[in-house]
Amino acid sequence: MKKSNSRRAFIKKAALGSTALSSAPMIFGSTKHEKLLLDRAYKTQIFGINDQINIGLIGSGIQGIYDTNAALGVAGIKIVAVCDLYEDRLVRAKELWGNDLFTTRDYRKLLALENIDAVIVATPDHWHKKITIDALKAGKHVYCEKPMVQKWEEGQEIIAAQKSSGKICQVGSQAMSSLGNEKAKQLYEEGAIGEIVMLDFYNDRYSAEGAWQYPIPPHISADSIDFDTFLGTAPKVAFEAKRFFRWRNYKDYGTGVAGDLFVHAFSTLNHVISSNGPIRAQATGGLRYWKDGRDVPDVSITLYDYPKTATHAAFNAAFRINFIAGNGGGGGFKLIGTEGQMDVGQRAVTLTRSKLGMVPGDYSMIAYSKATQEKIVAAYAEKNLDSRASSLNIGKTKWEAPRDYKGGHYDHFINFFEAIRGNNTVVQDPTFGLRAAGAALLANESYYKGKAVHWNPDEMRLI
């Protein structure tokens, strides 16, 4: 990776206008203390019926619907089939996408349809591996929601299935393809923050919905849900509606805050700095407020160690989730380096460069006599540590997408479908997906074991 850690070199590049990335973001100007336009050029294409990509949705819950709507925003895409274990969701699918949809409770019947080219797998986490592999073996391209696997040991099977099938498999961490991620990667590789020393990621929430207390339809009965199939390989229990509708709250079906939220941050982090992931994790936390039967924490803090590699220095990462944040909520993703900080979002990147104080001030000088102080000041002046150039190379610059930017979710599906059409490769294949999921799931390994855990990011396994 070509990288300059010189602030002066970075400022010069920015002033001249950064080079365009492969997906053609346009950067207009670059001066300190200004908002700059960040945009993307999309292809304008019209597809005939023989050129369209037909998709099927497996798991028509909240994320499945958002995924499908994002996919249908791409030209040349049509949804033809939906599978879900809850009858009312199949009714809702037809309300959204038409009465001519094929609907079923059995995903195998959907995979058997010859007119389906690709499927979206948006089921609970414990079904991801099984359905993704079955879909690849059935000759379908797969968009599998994050985390790719519930357990890190499952990942190699998906990698092998994808390679043997020859089909495209994209993992659905949608911020991966965003303009924000692309600009952050470009800035990092140009040396905008110097050497990375820390990542600070946090997500604060203050609502029942944000804490996964999703609504449960009144008068729900076991007849309308195929609960036994939902359980799958998980322990057999009696029908309980909240396990189905609020499955993220249970480690038998989900992956807690690590698999739901940490994994997005790992996808962005590993992409921006071209890393395979951390080598160590230490987690703590607990169930502080939402004591509704869930067995996963609602407050989680995990510290990660990243090793020095060819693309980054050794650094530490802090991942924090609070589902009962009395401040009202918020979040952030901050890459902090020796020469600056990037605040990264899907739609914007803010770069802040500050002046490193190298000359002693009143605080430390107070202990010396006036004569000694004068000598110290003269000695530091000879070193020229507080140069004019260092004062000029500071400030704040924000790159921001226009209001009509379609967003990272849309871009991720553009990437997926363009790969199916043979025009590119996916940005988050199963190997990348396992590295992001594996790193996130280290938080669960550490939390439940009550000790630090170690990970081999190259071989993607616990040590």
Protein backbone atom coordinates (compact mmCIF):
# COMPACT_ATOMS: atom_id res chain seq x y z
CA MET A 1 0.00 0.00 0.00
CA LYS A 2 1.42 3.37 -0.97
CA LYS A 3 1.12 5.58 2.06
CA SER A 4 2.67 8.83 3.25
CA ASN A 5 2.65 9.74 6.90
CA SER A 6 3.73 13.28 6.16
CA ARG A 7 1.11 15.87 7.01
CA ARG A 8 2.65 18.24 4.50
CA ALA A 9 2.37 15.60 1.75
CA PHE A 10 -1.26 14.98 2.67
CA ILE A 11 -2.16 18.68 2.64
CA LYS A 12 -0.49 19.09 -0.75
CA LYS A 13 -2.50 16.19 -2.18
CA ALA A 14 -5.73 17.52 -0.74
CA ALA A 15 -5.13 21.01 -2.08
CA LEU A 16 -4.56 19.69 -5.59
CA GLY A 17 -7.64 17.47 -5.43
CA SER A 18 -7.53 13.80 -4.44
CA THR A 19 -7.44 11.16 -7.11
CA ALA A 20 -10.72 9.44 -7.88
CA LEU A 21 -11.39 5.96 -6.57
CA SER A 22 -12.58 3.08 -8.73
CA SER A 23 -16.23 3.81 -7.95
CA ALA A 24 -15.76 7.41 -9.09
CA PRO A 25 -16.41 9.61 -6.08
CA MET A 26 -15.95 13.26 -7.04
CA ILE A 27 -14.03 15.56 -4.71
CA PHE A 28 -14.46 19.27 -5.36
CA GLY A 29 -11.56 21.19 -3.85
CA SER A 30 -9.95 20.60 -0.48
CA THR A 31 -9.13 23.36 1.96
CA LYS A 32 -9.12 23.48 5.73
CA HIS A 33 -12.24 24.46 7.70
CA GLU A 34 -14.61 23.87 4.77
CA LYS A 35 -17.37 21.44 3.89
CA LEU A 36 -16.57 19.62 0.68
CA LEU A 37 -18.88 17.75 -1.68
CA LEU A 38 -18.49 13.99 -1.87
CA ASP A 39 -20.48 12.33 -4.63
CA ARG A 40 -20.76 9.15 -6.68
CA ALA A 41 -21.38 8.67 -10.38
CA TYR A 42 -23.89 5.88 -11.07
CA LYS A 43 -24.32 4.13 -14.38
CA THR A 44 -27.58 4.75 -16.19
CA GLN A 45 -28.80 1.46 -17.65
CA ILE A 46 -32.06 0.01 -18.88
CA PHE A 47 -32.45 -3.77 -18.66
CA GLY A 48 -34.82 -5.90 -20.69
CA ILE A 49 -36.79 -8.75 -19.16
CA ASN A 50 -34.16 -11.25 -20.28
CA ASP A 51 -31.41 -9.26 -18.55
CA GLN A 52 -33.07 -8.67 -15.20
CA ILE A 53 -31.92 -10.44 -12.04
CA ASN A 54 -34.71 -12.23 -10.19
CA ILE A 55 -34.32 -12.39 -6.43
CA GLY A 56 -35.92 -14.30 -3.58
CA LEU A 57 -36.08 -13.23 0.05
CA ILE A 58 -35.62 -15.74 2.86
CA GLY A 59 -36.64 -14.11 6.13
CA SER A 60 -39.10 -11.26 5.57
CA GLY A 61 -38.65 -9.53 8.91
CA ILE A 62 -37.47 -5.97 9.52
CA GLN A 63 -34.02 -6.25 7.95
CA GLY A 64 -35.23 -8.49 5.16
CA ILE A 65 -37.73 -5.86 4.06
CA TYR A 66 -35.17 -3.06 4.20
CA ASP A 67 -32.71 -5.20 2.26
CA THR A 68 -35.25 -6.03 -0.42
CA ASN A 69 -36.40 -2.43 -0.84
CA ALA A 70 -32.76 -1.36 -1.23
CA ALA A 71 -32.17 -4.12 -3.79
CA LEU A 72 -35.26 -3.15 -5.77
CA GLY A 73 -33.94 0.38 -6.05
CA VAL A 74 -31.25 -0.99 -8.38
CA ALA A 75 -32.18 -1.10 -12.06
CA GLY A 76 -32.90 -4.53 -13.51
CA ILE A 77 -33.93 -6.26 -10.26
CA LYS A 78 -37.23 -8.04 -9.60
CA ILE A 79 -38.42 -9.94 -6.55
CA VAL A 80 -40.34 -13.11 -7.41
CA ALA A 81 -40.50 -15.14 -4.18
CA VAL A 82 -40.55 -14.72 -0.40
CA CYS A 83 -40.14 -17.22 2.42
CA ASP A 84 -40.98 -16.65 6.08
CA LEU A 85 -42.14 -18.79 8.98
CA TYR A 86 -44.84 -16.32 10.06
CA GLU A 87 -47.93 -16.21 7.86
CA ASP A 88 -48.63 -12.50 8.35
CA ARG A 89 -45.23 -11.60 6.96
CA LEU A 90 -46.10 -13.38 3.73
CA VAL A 91 -49.28 -11.28 3.59
CA ARG A 92 -47.16 -8.18 4.15
CA ALA A 93 -44.76 -9.20 1.38
CA LYS A 94 -47.59 -9.24 -1.13
CA GLU A 95 -48.77 -5.85 0.11
CA LEU A 96 -45.31 -4.47 -0.53
CA TRP A 97 -44.29 -6.23 -3.72
CA GLY A 98 -47.37 -7.61 -5.45
CA ASN A 99 -49.85 -10.46 -5.34
CA ASP A 100 -47.99 -12.43 -7.99
CA LEU A 101 -45.22 -13.31 -5.52
CA PHE A 102 -44.53 -16.94 -4.79
CA THR A 103 -44.69 -17.33 -1.00
CA THR A 104 -43.80 -20.25 1.21
CA ARG A 105 -42.78 -21.22 4.73
CA ASP A 106 -40.21 -23.68 3.40
CA TYR A 107 -37.04 -22.06 2.05
CA ARG A 108 -36.18 -25.24 0.15
CA LYS A 109 -39.22 -24.70 -2.08
CA LEU A 110 -37.98 -21.20 -2.85
CA LEU A 111 -34.49 -22.48 -3.72
CA ALA A 112 -36.04 -25.03 -6.06
CA LEU A 113 -37.48 -22.28 -8.28
CA GLU A 114 -35.53 -22.12 -11.52
CA ASN A 115 -36.37 -18.47 -12.20
CA ILE A 116 -34.49 -17.21 -9.12
CA ASP A 117 -30.95 -15.95 -9.71
CA ALA A 118 -30.08 -14.70 -6.23
CA VAL A 119 -31.42 -14.80 -2.69
CA ILE A 120 -31.25 -12.52 0.31
CA VAL A 121 -30.76 -14.44 3.56
CA ALA A 122 -32.14 -12.28 6.38
CA THR A 123 -33.03 -14.95 8.92
CA PRO A 124 -31.99 -15.18 12.58
CA ASP A 125 -28.24 -15.69 12.90
CA HIS A 126 -28.36 -19.39 13.77
CA TRP A 127 -29.83 -20.15 10.32
CA HIS A 128 -27.29 -18.19 8.25
CA LYS A 129 -24.80 -20.99 7.61
CA LYS A 130 -27.31 -23.68 6.69
CA ILE A 131 -29.41 -21.59 4.31
CA THR A 132 -26.44 -19.82 2.69
CA ILE A 133 -24.73 -23.12 1.90
CA ASP A 134 -27.97 -24.68 0.63
CA ALA A 135 -28.56 -21.67 -1.60
CA LEU A 136 -25.05 -21.79 -3.06
CA LYS A 137 -25.42 -25.51 -3.73
CA ALA A 138 -28.74 -24.77 -5.45
CA GLY A 139 -26.89 -22.49 -7.87
CA LYS A 140 -28.08 -19.19 -6.42
CA HIS A 141 -26.02 -16.10 -5.72
CA VAL A 142 -26.32 -15.11 -2.06
CA TYR A 143 -26.54 -11.87 -0.12
CA CYS A 144 -26.25 -13.01 3.52
CA GLU A 145 -26.98 -10.55 6.28
CA LYS A 146 -24.35 -9.89 8.91
CA PRO A 147 -22.99 -11.51 10.94
CA MET A 148 -22.20 -14.13 8.34
CA VAL A 149 -22.14 -16.83 11.02
CA GLN A 150 -23.40 -17.30 14.57
CA LYS A 151 -20.23 -19.19 15.53
CA TRP A 152 -16.80 -18.54 14.06
CA GLU A 153 -16.30 -22.28 13.41
CA GLU A 154 -19.06 -22.19 10.78
CA GLY A 155 -17.29 -19.72 8.52
CA GLN A 156 -14.94 -22.03 6.67
CA GLU A 157 -17.87 -24.12 5.45
CA ILE A 158 -19.41 -21.07 3.76
CA ILE A 159 -16.06 -20.08 2.24
CA ALA A 160 -15.66 -23.59 0.81
CA ALA A 161 -19.26 -23.71 -0.46
CA GLN A 162 -18.87 -20.39 -2.24
CA LYS A 163 -15.64 -21.42 -3.92
CA SER A 164 -16.99 -24.78 -5.08
CA SER A 165 -20.25 -23.26 -6.35
CA GLY A 166 -18.62 -20.47 -8.34
CA LYS A 167 -21.47 -18.19 -7.28
CA ILE A 168 -21.25 -14.72 -5.77
CA CYS A 169 -21.67 -14.40 -2.01
CA GLN A 170 -21.87 -10.94 -0.46
CA VAL A 171 -22.09 -10.38 3.29
CA GLY A 172 -24.58 -7.67 4.16
CA SER A 173 -22.76 -5.07 6.19
CA GLN A 174 -24.12 -2.25 4.07
CA ALA A 175 -21.85 0.59 5.27
CA MET A 176 -18.98 -1.25 3.57
CA SER A 177 -19.81 0.19 0.16
CA SER A 178 -20.65 3.71 1.35
CA LEU A 179 -19.02 6.90 0.17
CA GLY A 180 -17.92 7.55 3.74
CA ASN A 181 -15.95 4.31 3.87
CA GLU A 182 -14.33 4.94 0.50
CA LYS A 183 -13.26 8.45 1.41
CA ALA A 184 -11.95 7.33 4.81
CA LYS A 185 -9.86 4.62 3.15
CA GLN A 186 -8.44 7.09 0.66
CA LEU A 187 -7.56 9.62 3.37
CA TYR A 188 -6.00 6.96 5.58
CA GLU A 189 -3.81 5.64 2.77
CA GLU A 190 -2.68 9.20 2.00
CA GLY A 191 -1.48 9.57 5.59
CA ALA A 192 -4.17 11.98 6.77
CA ILE A 193 -4.03 10.82 10.41
CA GLY A 194 -0.43 9.59 10.46
CA GLU A 195 -0.06 6.24 12.21
CA ILE A 196 -3.24 4.88 13.75
CA VAL A 197 -3.11 4.49 17.53
CA MET A 198 -6.76 3.92 18.49
CA LEU A 199 -10.29 3.27 17.29
CA ASP A 200 -13.22 4.49 19.38
CA PHE A 201 -16.59 3.00 18.39
CA TYR A 202 -19.75 3.51 20.44
CA ASN A 203 -23.50 3.13 20.01
CA ASP A 204 -25.85 4.54 22.65
CA ARG A 205 -29.59 3.84 22.58
CA TYR A 206 -32.49 4.96 24.71
CA SER A 207 -35.68 3.27 23.56
CA ALA A 208 -37.41 -0.08 23.87
CA GLU A 209 -37.24 -0.55 20.09
CA GLY A 210 -33.52 0.27 20.08
CA ALA A 211 -33.07 -2.40 22.76
CA TRP A 212 -34.77 -4.98 20.50
CA GLN A 213 -38.14 -4.99 22.29
CA TYR A 214 -39.92 -5.26 18.96
CA PRO A 215 -43.73 -5.34 18.92
CA ILE A 216 -45.46 -8.69 19.20
CA PRO A 217 -48.84 -8.98 17.45
CA PRO A 218 -51.73 -9.40 19.92
CA HIS A 219 -53.48 -12.75 20.13
CA ILE A 220 -50.58 -14.48 18.37
CA SER A 221 -50.85 -18.26 18.27
CA ALA A 222 -48.52 -21.13 17.50
CA ASP A 223 -50.66 -21.98 14.44
CA SER A 224 -49.49 -18.88 12.56
CA ILE A 225 -45.76 -19.50 13.16
CA ASP A 226 -43.66 -22.53 12.29
CA PHE A 227 -41.87 -22.35 15.63
CA ASP A 228 -40.21 -25.78 15.48
CA THR A 229 -38.50 -24.85 12.21
CA PHE A 230 -37.46 -21.51 13.71
CA LEU A 231 -35.67 -23.35 16.53
CA GLY A 232 -33.65 -25.37 14.06
CA THR A 233 -30.53 -26.68 15.78
CA ALA A 234 -31.18 -24.61 18.92
CA PRO A 235 -32.48 -26.31 22.09
CA LYS A 236 -36.11 -27.38 21.88
CA VAL A 237 -38.44 -25.21 23.98
CA ALA A 238 -42.18 -24.64 24.15
CA PHE A 239 -43.69 -21.97 21.91
CA GLU A 240 -42.91 -18.47 23.16
CA ALA A 241 -43.76 -15.57 20.86
CA LYS A 242 -41.05 -13.24 22.14
CA ARG A 243 -38.35 -15.75 21.24
CA PHE A 244 -39.51 -15.57 17.65
CA PHE A 245 -40.08 -11.81 17.36
CA ARG A 246 -37.24 -10.75 19.66
CA TRP A 247 -34.72 -13.44 18.81
CA ARG A 248 -31.76 -11.05 19.06
CA ASN A 249 -32.22 -11.15 22.84
CA TYR A 250 -31.24 -14.82 23.05
CA LYS A 251 -27.83 -16.33 22.45
CA ASP A 252 -29.45 -19.53 21.13
CA TYR A 253 -30.59 -17.66 17.99
CA GLY A 254 -28.59 -14.43 17.78
CA THR A 255 -25.17 -13.04 18.61
CA GLY A 256 -26.01 -10.15 20.94
CA VAL A 257 -24.69 -6.65 20.45
CA ALA A 258 -21.40 -8.02 19.12
CA GLY A 259 -22.92 -9.77 16.10
CA ASP A 260 -25.55 -7.11 15.51
CA LEU A 261 -23.48 -3.93 15.94
CA PHE A 262 -19.77 -4.59 16.48
CA VAL A 263 -19.59 -6.44 13.18
CA HIS A 264 -20.49 -3.29 11.19
CA ALA A 265 -17.63 -1.41 12.81
CA PHE A 266 -15.17 -4.24 12.16
CA SER A 267 -16.19 -4.32 8.51
CA THR A 268 -15.48 -0.61 8.17
CA LEU A 269 -12.28 -0.71 10.23
CA ASN A 270 -10.73 -3.68 8.44
CA HIS A 271 -11.68 -2.19 5.07
CA VAL A 272 -10.35 1.31 5.72
CA ILE A 273 -6.96 0.22 7.07
CA SER A 274 -6.66 -2.99 4.98
CA SER A 275 -6.40 -5.22 8.03
CA ASN A 276 -7.26 -8.85 8.73
CA GLY A 277 -8.34 -8.04 12.27
CA PRO A 278 -7.36 -8.10 15.94
CA ILE A 279 -5.40 -10.70 17.89
CA ARG A 280 -6.87 -10.28 21.38
CA ALA A 281 -10.14 -9.24 23.05
CA GLN A 282 -11.20 -8.53 26.63
CA ALA A 283 -14.91 -7.96 27.29
CA THR A 284 -17.05 -6.83 30.18
CA GLY A 285 -20.60 -5.62 30.63
CA GLY A 286 -23.89 -6.89 31.94
CA LEU A 287 -27.68 -6.86 31.84
CA ARG A 288 -28.42 -3.52 33.51
CA TYR A 289 -31.98 -2.58 32.59
CA TRP A 290 -33.85 -4.62 29.95
CA LYS A 291 -34.52 -7.61 32.18
CA ASP A 292 -37.25 -9.04 29.98
CA GLY A 293 -36.03 -12.64 29.81
CA ARG A 294 -33.09 -11.96 27.51
CA ASP A 295 -29.78 -13.68 28.20
CA VAL A 296 -27.44 -11.22 26.45
CA PRO A 297 -26.05 -8.00 27.95
CA ASP A 298 -27.51 -4.57 27.25
CA VAL A 299 -24.25 -2.83 28.19
CA SER A 300 -21.09 -4.14 26.57
CA ILE A 301 -17.50 -2.89 26.47
CA THR A 302 -14.76 -4.77 24.64
CA LEU A 303 -11.13 -3.81 24.17
CA TYR A 304 -9.22 -5.21 21.18
CA ASP A 305 -5.53 -5.38 20.32
CA TYR A 306 -4.45 -5.03 16.69
CA PRO A 307 -0.89 -6.06 15.74
CA LYS A 308 1.52 -4.11 13.57
CA THR A 309 1.21 -5.08 9.90
CA ALA A 310 2.34 -3.74 6.55
CA THR A 311 -0.73 -1.47 6.43
CA HIS A 312 -1.03 -0.19 9.98
CA ALA A 313 0.81 0.28 13.25
CA ALA A 314 -0.08 -1.69 16.36
CA PHE A 315 -3.11 -0.06 18.00
CA ASN A 316 -6.02 -0.57 20.36
CA ALA A 317 -9.75 -0.46 19.72
CA ALA A 318 -12.59 0.23 22.14
CA PHE A 319 -16.10 -1.00 21.26
CA ARG A 320 -18.92 0.21 23.49
CA ILE A 321 -22.69 -0.39 23.44
CA ASN A 322 -25.21 1.05 25.90
CA PHE A 323 -28.92 0.25 25.47
CA ILE A 324 -29.96 2.40 28.41
CA ALA A 325 -28.09 5.63 27.68
CA GLY A 326 -29.86 8.38 29.60
CA ASN A 327 -28.29 11.02 27.35
CA GLY A 328 -30.84 10.07 24.68
CA GLY A 329 -28.53 8.11 22.42
CA GLY A 330 -25.94 8.64 19.73
CA GLY A 331 -22.94 6.97 18.20
CA GLY A 332 -19.54 7.41 16.67
CA PHE A 333 -16.67 5.79 14.80
CA LYS A 334 -13.39 7.61 15.35
CA LEU A 335 -10.04 6.63 13.86
CA ILE A 336 -7.39 8.38 15.94
CA GLY A 337 -3.81 8.71 14.74
CA THR A 338 -0.55 10.42 15.59
CA GLU A 339 -1.40 13.39 13.35
CA GLY A 340 -5.18 13.57 13.20
CA GLN A 341 -8.60 12.01 13.70
CA MET A 342 -11.28 10.85 11.27
CA ASP A 343 -14.94 10.68 12.27
CA VAL A 344 -16.41 8.24 9.75
CA GLY A 345 -20.03 7.79 8.77
CA GLN A 346 -21.80 6.40 5.72
CA ARG A 347 -22.53 9.87 4.35
CA ALA A 348 -19.68 11.96 5.68
CA VAL A 349 -16.09 11.97 6.90
CA THR A 350 -14.66 14.69 9.12
CA LEU A 351 -10.89 15.01 9.36
CA THR A 352 -9.42 16.97 12.26
CA ARG A 353 -5.72 17.79 12.40
CA SER A 354 -4.34 19.42 15.54
CA LYS A 355 -1.02 20.89 16.53
CA LEU A 356 1.14 18.65 18.71
CA GLY A 357 2.44 20.64 21.67
CA MET A 358 6.21 20.10 21.85
CA VAL A 359 7.28 23.29 23.67
CA PRO A 360 6.87 23.45 27.47
CA GLY A 361 4.36 25.91 28.90
CA ASP A 362 3.67 27.59 32.22
CA TYR A 363 2.63 24.34 33.93
CA SER A 364 6.03 22.66 33.79
CA MET A 365 8.15 25.83 33.78
CA ILE A 366 6.88 27.02 37.16
CA ALA A 367 9.41 24.89 39.04
CA TYR A 368 12.44 26.72 37.56
CA SER A 369 14.00 30.07 38.31
CA LYS A 370 13.55 32.90 35.79
CA ALA A 371 17.15 32.51 34.65
CA THR A 372 16.71 28.78 34.07
CA GLN A 373 13.41 29.35 32.31
CA GLU A 374 15.10 31.68 29.84
CA LYS A 375 17.75 29.05 29.10
CA ILE A 376 15.09 26.36 28.54
CA VAL A 377 13.13 28.62 26.20
CA ALA A 378 16.29 29.40 24.21
CA ALA A 379 17.22 25.72 23.95
CA TYR A 380 13.78 24.78 22.61
CA ALA A 381 13.84 27.70 20.17
CA GLU A 382 17.03 26.31 18.62
CA LYS A 383 15.25 23.01 17.96
CA ASN A 384 12.52 24.81 15.94
CA LEU A 385 9.84 22.42 17.21
CA ASP A 386 7.09 25.02 16.83
CA SER A 387 7.54 25.82 13.15
CA ARG A 388 5.26 27.91 10.97
CA ALA A 389 4.64 24.89 8.74
CA SER A 390 3.31 22.84 11.68
CA SER A 391 0.90 25.65 12.51
CA LEU A 392 -0.46 25.79 8.96
CA ASN A 393 -1.17 22.07 8.62
CA ILE A 394 -4.03 22.00 11.13
CA GLY A 395 -7.77 22.44 10.97
CA LYS A 396 -10.98 20.57 10.23
CA THR A 397 -12.30 19.41 6.87
CA LYS A 398 -15.60 17.65 6.23
CA TRP A 399 -16.45 15.64 3.14
CA GLU A 400 -20.21 15.24 2.90
CA ALA A 401 -22.50 13.45 0.45
CA PRO A 402 -25.30 15.46 -1.16
CA ARG A 403 -28.85 15.09 0.09
CA ASP A 404 -29.87 12.93 -2.84
CA TYR A 405 -27.09 10.37 -2.22
CA LYS A 406 -28.77 6.95 -2.24
CA GLY A 407 -26.72 5.62 0.66
CA GLY A 408 -24.44 2.75 1.56
CA HIS A 409 -27.22 0.14 1.59
CA TYR A 410 -28.07 0.87 -2.04
CA ASP A 411 -24.37 0.97 -2.95
CA HIS A 412 -23.80 -2.44 -1.34
CA PHE A 413 -26.49 -3.99 -3.53
CA ILE A 414 -25.08 -2.18 -6.58
CA ASN A 415 -21.78 -3.88 -5.79
CA PHE A 416 -23.49 -7.27 -5.36
CA PHE A 417 -25.49 -7.14 -8.58
CA GLU A 418 -22.61 -5.73 -10.63
CA ALA A 419 -20.52 -8.70 -9.44
CA ILE A 420 -23.27 -11.08 -10.56
CA ARG A 421 -23.24 -9.40 -13.97
CA GLY A 422 -19.46 -9.93 -14.11
CA ASN A 423 -18.48 -6.27 -13.89
CA ASN A 424 -16.58 -6.37 -10.58
CA THR A 425 -15.93 -8.37 -7.42
CA VAL A 426 -17.83 -8.02 -4.16
CA VAL A 427 -16.31 -5.89 -1.41
CA GLN A 428 -17.36 -8.28 1.36
CA ASP A 429 -16.88 -11.89 0.32
CA PRO A 430 -17.14 -14.80 2.82
CA THR A 431 -13.48 -14.54 3.83
CA PHE A 432 -13.87 -10.85 4.65
CA GLY A 433 -17.22 -11.64 6.26
CA LEU A 434 -15.68 -14.24 8.56
CA ARG A 435 -12.89 -11.91 9.61
CA ALA A 436 -15.42 -9.23 10.55
CA ALA A 437 -17.79 -11.67 12.27
CA GLY A 438 -15.00 -13.57 13.98
CA ALA A 439 -13.55 -10.39 15.46
CA ALA A 440 -16.96 -9.29 16.69
CA LEU A 441 -17.78 -12.68 18.20
CA LEU A 442 -14.59 -12.55 20.26
CA ALA A 443 -16.56 -10.18 22.51
CA ASN A 444 -19.02 -12.97 23.29
CA GLU A 445 -16.24 -15.51 23.78
CA SER A 446 -14.54 -13.25 26.29
CA TYR A 447 -17.70 -12.12 28.06
CA TYR A 448 -19.11 -15.59 28.70
CA LYS A 449 -15.71 -17.11 29.56
CA GLY A 450 -14.82 -14.21 31.83
CA LYS A 451 -11.31 -13.83 30.44
CA ALA A 452 -9.32 -12.45 27.54
CA VAL A 453 -9.35 -14.51 24.33
CA HIS A 454 -6.83 -14.68 21.50
CA TRP A 455 -7.51 -14.83 17.76
CA ASN A 456 -5.50 -15.61 14.65
CA PRO A 457 -6.84 -13.10 12.10
CA ASP A 458 -5.03 -14.70 9.17
CA GLU A 459 -6.26 -18.24 9.80
CA MET A 460 -9.56 -16.97 11.28
CA ARG A 461 -9.62 -19.15 14.39
CA LEU A 462 -9.33 -18.97 18.16
CA ILE A 463 -5.92 -19.68 19.65
